[in-house]
Amino acid sequence: MPDSPPGHPPSPDVHVQVEIQHLAAHSTPERQLFTYVIRIENRSGDTWKLLARHWDIIDAHGQTTSVDGEGVVGEQPVLPPGGTFVYDSFVTLQTTPGRMSGHYVMQDAWGQTAHVPIPAFRLDVPGTRTLN
């Protein structure tokens, strides 16, 4: 585990990768549906448990929705060294483009918690253009 400044939680070497897909067949002009697949990979030498998640979802008008919850898709997966966990979920937006970002709250075997960032990703309808 990388060294952390004194008084700060550990920074686990946990990598998060996101793949997004727009579902045109299930979308309407008022509601765009996106699915995303998340792959969480523990690259550290310690075991980490995913306790909770936090998402910030921002639409084209700048309206932000924050979502907090325990675990992911009803689970609190434990990732041993080298372990991975993959899950899929979905989100809807009224106006695009939008973006999502957030973090996972992880806990090590000693009960220490840390935040693992989820990189920001864009939610947009393919083939649309935004004028600046």
N, C-alpha and C. Protein backbone atom coordinates (compact mmCIF):
# COMPACT_ATOMS: atom_id res chain seq x y z
N MET A 1 0.85 -1.17 0.00
CA MET A 1 0.00 0.00 0.00
C MET A 1 0.90 1.23 0.00
N PRO A 2 0.63 2.25 -0.84
CA PRO A 2 1.45 3.44 -0.86
C PRO A 2 1.40 4.17 0.46
N ASP A 3 2.50 4.87 0.78
CA ASP A 3 2.53 5.66 2.01
C ASP A 3 1.55 6.81 1.91
N SER A 4 0.88 7.13 3.01
CA SER A 4 -0.06 8.24 3.07
C SER A 4 0.47 9.25 4.06
N PRO A 5 0.13 10.54 3.89
CA PRO A 5 0.53 11.53 4.88
C PRO A 5 -0.04 11.17 6.24
N PRO A 6 0.64 11.55 7.32
CA PRO A 6 0.13 11.25 8.67
C PRO A 6 -1.28 11.80 8.84
N GLY A 7 -2.14 11.01 9.46
CA GLY A 7 -3.51 11.43 9.73
C GLY A 7 -4.47 11.21 8.57
N HIS A 8 -3.98 10.73 7.44
CA HIS A 8 -4.84 10.47 6.29
C HIS A 8 -5.03 8.97 6.13
N PRO A 9 -6.19 8.56 5.61
CA PRO A 9 -6.42 7.13 5.40
C PRO A 9 -5.48 6.59 4.34
N PRO A 10 -5.28 5.28 4.33
CA PRO A 10 -4.40 4.69 3.32
C PRO A 10 -4.95 4.91 1.92
N SER A 11 -4.06 4.90 0.96
CA SER A 11 -4.46 5.04 -0.44
C SER A 11 -4.23 3.71 -1.13
N PRO A 12 -5.25 2.88 -1.19
CA PRO A 12 -5.06 1.55 -1.79
C PRO A 12 -4.79 1.66 -3.29
N ASP A 13 -4.02 0.73 -3.79
CA ASP A 13 -3.76 0.66 -5.22
C ASP A 13 -4.88 -0.17 -5.85
N VAL A 14 -6.04 0.48 -5.98
CA VAL A 14 -7.22 -0.15 -6.56
C VAL A 14 -7.58 0.66 -7.80
N HIS A 15 -7.68 -0.03 -8.94
CA HIS A 15 -7.92 0.61 -10.23
C HIS A 15 -9.37 0.41 -10.64
N VAL A 16 -10.01 1.49 -11.12
CA VAL A 16 -11.41 1.44 -11.55
C VAL A 16 -11.47 1.80 -13.03
N GLN A 17 -12.12 0.94 -13.81
CA GLN A 17 -12.28 1.16 -15.25
C GLN A 17 -13.77 1.12 -15.57
N VAL A 18 -14.22 2.06 -16.43
CA VAL A 18 -15.64 2.17 -16.76
C VAL A 18 -15.84 2.10 -18.27
N GLU A 19 -16.84 1.33 -18.70
CA GLU A 19 -17.28 1.29 -20.10
C GLU A 19 -18.74 1.71 -20.13
N ILE A 20 -19.07 2.64 -21.03
CA ILE A 20 -20.41 3.21 -21.10
C ILE A 20 -21.05 2.86 -22.44
N GLN A 21 -22.38 2.67 -22.43
CA GLN A 21 -23.12 2.44 -23.67
C GLN A 21 -24.46 3.16 -23.58
N HIS A 22 -24.82 3.88 -24.62
CA HIS A 22 -26.13 4.52 -24.72
C HIS A 22 -27.12 3.50 -25.26
N LEU A 23 -28.28 3.39 -24.65
CA LEU A 23 -29.30 2.44 -25.10
C LEU A 23 -30.42 3.21 -25.81
N ALA A 24 -30.21 3.46 -27.09
CA ALA A 24 -31.16 4.24 -27.88
C ALA A 24 -32.55 3.60 -27.90
N ALA A 25 -32.63 2.29 -27.99
CA ALA A 25 -33.91 1.59 -28.08
C ALA A 25 -34.76 1.77 -26.81
N HIS A 26 -34.13 2.11 -25.70
CA HIS A 26 -34.85 2.28 -24.43
C HIS A 26 -34.88 3.74 -23.98
N SER A 27 -34.49 4.65 -24.87
CA SER A 27 -34.45 6.07 -24.55
C SER A 27 -35.58 6.80 -25.25
N THR A 28 -35.92 7.97 -24.72
CA THR A 28 -36.89 8.88 -25.34
C THR A 28 -36.23 10.25 -25.37
N PRO A 29 -36.80 11.21 -26.10
CA PRO A 29 -36.20 12.55 -26.10
C PRO A 29 -36.12 13.16 -24.69
N GLU A 30 -37.01 12.76 -23.80
CA GLU A 30 -37.03 13.30 -22.43
C GLU A 30 -36.17 12.50 -21.46
N ARG A 31 -35.71 11.31 -21.87
CA ARG A 31 -34.97 10.46 -20.94
C ARG A 31 -34.02 9.57 -21.72
N GLN A 32 -32.74 9.81 -21.55
CA GLN A 32 -31.71 9.01 -22.22
C GLN A 32 -31.18 7.98 -21.23
N LEU A 33 -31.13 6.73 -21.66
CA LEU A 33 -30.70 5.64 -20.80
C LEU A 33 -29.29 5.19 -21.20
N PHE A 34 -28.44 5.06 -20.20
CA PHE A 34 -27.06 4.60 -20.39
C PHE A 34 -26.80 3.43 -19.45
N THR A 35 -26.09 2.44 -19.95
CA THR A 35 -25.59 1.38 -19.08
C THR A 35 -24.09 1.58 -18.94
N TYR A 36 -23.57 1.08 -17.83
CA TYR A 36 -22.13 1.13 -17.64
C TYR A 36 -21.67 -0.14 -16.95
N VAL A 37 -20.47 -0.57 -17.34
CA VAL A 37 -19.84 -1.74 -16.74
C VAL A 37 -18.60 -1.23 -16.02
N ILE A 38 -18.47 -1.62 -14.77
CA ILE A 38 -17.34 -1.18 -13.96
C ILE A 38 -16.50 -2.39 -13.58
N ARG A 39 -15.20 -2.24 -13.78
CA ARG A 39 -14.23 -3.26 -13.38
C ARG A 39 -13.35 -2.66 -12.30
N ILE A 40 -13.34 -3.29 -11.13
CA ILE A 40 -12.53 -2.84 -10.00
C ILE A 40 -11.43 -3.87 -9.81
N GLU A 41 -10.19 -3.43 -9.86
CA GLU A 41 -9.05 -4.34 -9.76
C GLU A 41 -8.16 -3.93 -8.59
N ASN A 42 -7.93 -4.87 -7.69
CA ASN A 42 -7.06 -4.63 -6.53
C ASN A 42 -5.62 -4.93 -6.93
N ARG A 43 -4.84 -3.89 -7.10
CA ARG A 43 -3.43 -4.05 -7.47
C ARG A 43 -2.51 -3.97 -6.26
N SER A 44 -3.09 -3.90 -5.08
CA SER A 44 -2.28 -3.79 -3.86
C SER A 44 -1.99 -5.18 -3.30
N GLY A 45 -1.18 -5.21 -2.28
CA GLY A 45 -0.86 -6.46 -1.60
C GLY A 45 -1.78 -6.75 -0.44
N ASP A 46 -2.81 -5.93 -0.26
CA ASP A 46 -3.75 -6.09 0.85
C ASP A 46 -5.15 -6.42 0.32
N THR A 47 -5.96 -7.00 1.17
CA THR A 47 -7.35 -7.28 0.84
C THR A 47 -8.20 -6.06 1.18
N TRP A 48 -9.11 -5.70 0.27
CA TRP A 48 -9.99 -4.55 0.47
C TRP A 48 -11.44 -4.97 0.26
N LYS A 49 -12.33 -4.45 1.12
CA LYS A 49 -13.76 -4.70 1.00
C LYS A 49 -14.44 -3.40 0.57
N LEU A 50 -15.30 -3.47 -0.44
CA LEU A 50 -16.04 -2.30 -0.90
C LEU A 50 -17.27 -2.13 0.00
N LEU A 51 -17.26 -1.08 0.80
CA LEU A 51 -18.35 -0.84 1.75
C LEU A 51 -19.48 -0.01 1.16
N ALA A 52 -19.12 1.05 0.41
CA ALA A 52 -20.12 2.01 -0.04
C ALA A 52 -19.68 2.69 -1.32
N ARG A 53 -20.64 3.40 -1.93
CA ARG A 53 -20.34 4.14 -3.15
C ARG A 53 -20.94 5.54 -3.04
N HIS A 54 -20.34 6.46 -3.78
CA HIS A 54 -20.88 7.82 -3.92
C HIS A 54 -20.76 8.22 -5.38
N TRP A 55 -21.85 8.70 -5.96
CA TRP A 55 -21.87 9.17 -7.34
C TRP A 55 -22.33 10.61 -7.38
N ASP A 56 -21.72 11.40 -8.27
CA ASP A 56 -22.21 12.72 -8.64
C ASP A 56 -22.56 12.63 -10.12
N ILE A 57 -23.82 12.87 -10.45
CA ILE A 57 -24.32 12.78 -11.82
C ILE A 57 -24.74 14.19 -12.23
N ILE A 58 -24.14 14.71 -13.29
CA ILE A 58 -24.39 16.08 -13.72
C ILE A 58 -24.95 16.06 -15.14
N ASP A 59 -26.10 16.72 -15.34
CA ASP A 59 -26.69 16.75 -16.69
C ASP A 59 -26.21 17.98 -17.45
N ALA A 60 -26.71 18.16 -18.68
CA ALA A 60 -26.25 19.25 -19.55
C ALA A 60 -26.57 20.63 -18.99
N HIS A 61 -27.55 20.73 -18.10
CA HIS A 61 -27.90 22.02 -17.50
C HIS A 61 -27.14 22.29 -16.21
N GLY A 62 -26.25 21.37 -15.84
CA GLY A 62 -25.47 21.54 -14.61
C GLY A 62 -26.18 21.07 -13.36
N GLN A 63 -27.35 20.46 -13.51
CA GLN A 63 -28.06 19.93 -12.35
C GLN A 63 -27.34 18.69 -11.86
N THR A 64 -27.00 18.69 -10.58
CA THR A 64 -26.25 17.59 -9.99
C THR A 64 -27.15 16.74 -9.11
N THR A 65 -27.06 15.44 -9.29
CA THR A 65 -27.73 14.48 -8.42
C THR A 65 -26.64 13.66 -7.75
N SER A 66 -26.67 13.58 -6.43
CA SER A 66 -25.72 12.75 -5.69
C SER A 66 -26.42 11.50 -5.21
N VAL A 67 -25.73 10.38 -5.34
CA VAL A 67 -26.28 9.09 -4.94
C VAL A 67 -25.27 8.41 -4.02
N ASP A 68 -25.73 8.01 -2.84
CA ASP A 68 -24.90 7.28 -1.89
C ASP A 68 -25.60 5.98 -1.55
N GLY A 69 -24.81 4.93 -1.33
CA GLY A 69 -25.42 3.67 -0.95
C GLY A 69 -24.38 2.67 -0.49
N GLU A 70 -24.88 1.62 0.14
CA GLU A 70 -24.00 0.54 0.60
C GLU A 70 -23.60 -0.31 -0.59
N GLY A 71 -22.34 -0.69 -0.64
CA GLY A 71 -21.85 -1.63 -1.64
C GLY A 71 -22.23 -1.23 -3.05
N VAL A 72 -22.27 -2.23 -3.92
CA VAL A 72 -22.68 -2.05 -5.32
C VAL A 72 -23.54 -3.24 -5.71
N VAL A 73 -24.60 -2.98 -6.45
CA VAL A 73 -25.55 -4.00 -6.90
C VAL A 73 -25.89 -5.04 -5.82
N GLY A 74 -26.14 -4.53 -4.61
CA GLY A 74 -26.54 -5.41 -3.52
C GLY A 74 -25.42 -6.21 -2.89
N GLU A 75 -24.18 -5.94 -3.25
CA GLU A 75 -23.04 -6.69 -2.70
C GLU A 75 -22.02 -5.75 -2.08
N GLN A 76 -21.23 -6.30 -1.18
CA GLN A 76 -20.06 -5.63 -0.64
C GLN A 76 -18.87 -6.56 -0.91
N PRO A 77 -18.39 -6.52 -2.16
CA PRO A 77 -17.36 -7.49 -2.55
C PRO A 77 -16.05 -7.30 -1.81
N VAL A 78 -15.37 -8.42 -1.57
CA VAL A 78 -14.03 -8.43 -0.98
C VAL A 78 -13.05 -8.74 -2.10
N LEU A 79 -12.06 -7.87 -2.24
CA LEU A 79 -11.07 -8.04 -3.31
C LEU A 79 -9.71 -8.40 -2.69
N PRO A 80 -9.30 -9.65 -2.82
CA PRO A 80 -7.96 -10.03 -2.33
C PRO A 80 -6.91 -9.42 -3.26
N PRO A 81 -5.64 -9.47 -2.88
CA PRO A 81 -4.59 -8.97 -3.79
C PRO A 81 -4.72 -9.62 -5.16
N GLY A 82 -4.75 -8.79 -6.20
CA GLY A 82 -4.90 -9.29 -7.56
C GLY A 82 -6.33 -9.58 -7.96
N GLY A 83 -7.27 -9.44 -7.04
CA GLY A 83 -8.67 -9.76 -7.32
C GLY A 83 -9.37 -8.68 -8.10
N THR A 84 -10.43 -9.07 -8.80
CA THR A 84 -11.25 -8.12 -9.55
C THR A 84 -12.72 -8.36 -9.25
N PHE A 85 -13.51 -7.32 -9.44
CA PHE A 85 -14.96 -7.42 -9.33
C PHE A 85 -15.53 -6.60 -10.47
N VAL A 86 -16.46 -7.19 -11.23
CA VAL A 86 -17.07 -6.52 -12.37
C VAL A 86 -18.58 -6.51 -12.15
N TYR A 87 -19.19 -5.35 -12.38
CA TYR A 87 -20.64 -5.26 -12.29
C TYR A 87 -21.15 -4.26 -13.31
N ASP A 88 -22.46 -4.33 -13.58
CA ASP A 88 -23.07 -3.36 -14.49
C ASP A 88 -24.26 -2.72 -13.81
N SER A 89 -24.56 -1.50 -14.26
CA SER A 89 -25.69 -0.76 -13.74
C SER A 89 -26.15 0.20 -14.83
N PHE A 90 -27.03 1.12 -14.48
CA PHE A 90 -27.54 2.06 -15.48
C PHE A 90 -27.84 3.40 -14.84
N VAL A 91 -28.01 4.39 -15.70
CA VAL A 91 -28.38 5.74 -15.25
C VAL A 91 -29.21 6.38 -16.35
N THR A 92 -30.12 7.26 -15.99
CA THR A 92 -30.88 8.02 -16.98
C THR A 92 -30.58 9.51 -16.81
N LEU A 93 -30.60 10.22 -17.92
CA LEU A 93 -30.42 11.67 -17.92
C LEU A 93 -31.55 12.30 -18.71
N GLN A 94 -32.02 13.46 -18.24
CA GLN A 94 -33.04 14.18 -19.00
C GLN A 94 -32.40 15.00 -20.11
N THR A 95 -31.20 15.53 -19.86
CA THR A 95 -30.51 16.34 -20.87
C THR A 95 -29.06 15.86 -20.99
N THR A 96 -28.60 15.75 -22.23
CA THR A 96 -27.23 15.32 -22.47
C THR A 96 -26.49 16.45 -23.21
N PRO A 97 -25.17 16.47 -23.15
CA PRO A 97 -24.31 15.48 -22.50
C PRO A 97 -24.28 15.70 -20.99
N GLY A 98 -23.91 14.64 -20.31
CA GLY A 98 -23.74 14.70 -18.87
C GLY A 98 -22.46 13.99 -18.50
N ARG A 99 -22.23 13.91 -17.19
CA ARG A 99 -21.06 13.16 -16.74
C ARG A 99 -21.32 12.60 -15.36
N MET A 100 -20.58 11.56 -15.05
CA MET A 100 -20.64 10.91 -13.74
C MET A 100 -19.24 10.76 -13.20
N SER A 101 -19.12 10.87 -11.90
CA SER A 101 -17.87 10.57 -11.21
C SER A 101 -18.24 10.24 -9.77
N GLY A 102 -17.27 9.78 -9.03
CA GLY A 102 -17.56 9.45 -7.64
C GLY A 102 -16.40 8.74 -6.98
N HIS A 103 -16.74 7.97 -5.95
CA HIS A 103 -15.71 7.19 -5.25
C HIS A 103 -16.36 6.01 -4.53
N TYR A 104 -15.52 5.04 -4.25
CA TYR A 104 -15.90 3.91 -3.41
C TYR A 104 -15.24 4.09 -2.06
N VAL A 105 -15.95 3.68 -1.02
CA VAL A 105 -15.36 3.62 0.32
C VAL A 105 -14.95 2.17 0.52
N MET A 106 -13.64 1.98 0.72
CA MET A 106 -13.08 0.64 0.88
C MET A 106 -12.55 0.49 2.31
N GLN A 107 -12.48 -0.75 2.78
CA GLN A 107 -11.97 -1.03 4.13
C GLN A 107 -10.97 -2.17 4.05
N ASP A 108 -9.84 -1.99 4.76
CA ASP A 108 -8.84 -3.06 4.78
C ASP A 108 -9.12 -4.01 5.94
N ALA A 109 -8.28 -5.03 6.08
CA ALA A 109 -8.48 -6.07 7.09
C ALA A 109 -8.37 -5.54 8.52
N TRP A 110 -7.77 -4.36 8.71
CA TRP A 110 -7.60 -3.77 10.04
C TRP A 110 -8.68 -2.76 10.35
N GLY A 111 -9.67 -2.61 9.44
CA GLY A 111 -10.78 -1.70 9.68
C GLY A 111 -10.53 -0.27 9.22
N GLN A 112 -9.37 -0.02 8.62
CA GLN A 112 -9.06 1.32 8.11
C GLN A 112 -9.81 1.54 6.80
N THR A 113 -10.44 2.72 6.64
CA THR A 113 -11.18 3.00 5.41
C THR A 113 -10.41 3.98 4.53
N ALA A 114 -10.72 3.94 3.25
CA ALA A 114 -10.10 4.83 2.27
C ALA A 114 -11.08 5.04 1.13
N HIS A 115 -10.90 6.16 0.43
CA HIS A 115 -11.71 6.45 -0.75
C HIS A 115 -10.93 6.08 -1.99
N VAL A 116 -11.58 5.37 -2.90
CA VAL A 116 -10.99 5.03 -4.19
C VAL A 116 -11.79 5.81 -5.24
N PRO A 117 -11.14 6.73 -5.97
CA PRO A 117 -11.88 7.53 -6.95
C PRO A 117 -12.38 6.71 -8.13
N ILE A 118 -13.56 7.09 -8.60
CA ILE A 118 -14.11 6.56 -9.84
C ILE A 118 -13.90 7.66 -10.87
N PRO A 119 -13.11 7.41 -11.90
CA PRO A 119 -12.81 8.48 -12.85
C PRO A 119 -14.08 9.00 -13.53
N ALA A 120 -14.11 10.31 -13.78
CA ALA A 120 -15.26 10.92 -14.45
C ALA A 120 -15.41 10.33 -15.85
N PHE A 121 -16.66 10.11 -16.25
CA PHE A 121 -16.93 9.65 -17.60
C PHE A 121 -18.13 10.40 -18.16
N ARG A 122 -18.12 10.56 -19.48
CA ARG A 122 -19.12 11.35 -20.20
C ARG A 122 -20.30 10.47 -20.60
N LEU A 123 -21.50 11.04 -20.47
CA LEU A 123 -22.73 10.38 -20.89
C LEU A 123 -23.29 11.22 -22.04
N ASP A 124 -23.22 10.68 -23.25
CA ASP A 124 -23.66 11.43 -24.41
C ASP A 124 -24.28 10.50 -25.43
N VAL A 125 -25.18 11.05 -26.21
CA VAL A 125 -25.84 10.29 -27.26
C VAL A 125 -24.94 10.32 -28.50
N PRO A 126 -24.56 9.16 -29.02
CA PRO A 126 -23.69 9.14 -30.21
C PRO A 126 -24.32 9.89 -31.37
N GLY A 127 -23.50 10.59 -32.10
CA GLY A 127 -23.98 11.30 -33.28
C GLY A 127 -24.52 12.68 -33.01
N THR A 128 -24.61 13.09 -31.72
CA THR A 128 -25.06 14.45 -31.42
C THR A 128 -23.87 15.37 -31.29
N ARG A 129 -24.10 16.62 -31.59
CA ARG A 129 -23.01 17.60 -31.50
C ARG A 129 -23.44 18.71 -30.57
N THR A 130 -22.50 19.20 -29.77
CA THR A 130 -22.77 20.32 -28.88
C THR A 130 -22.06 21.55 -29.44
N LEU A 131 -22.81 22.63 -29.64
CA LEU A 131 -22.21 23.86 -30.12
C LEU A 131 -21.68 24.66 -28.94
N ASN A 132 -20.48 25.20 -29.10
CA ASN A 132 -19.88 26.02 -28.03
C ASN A 132 -20.20 27.48 -28.23
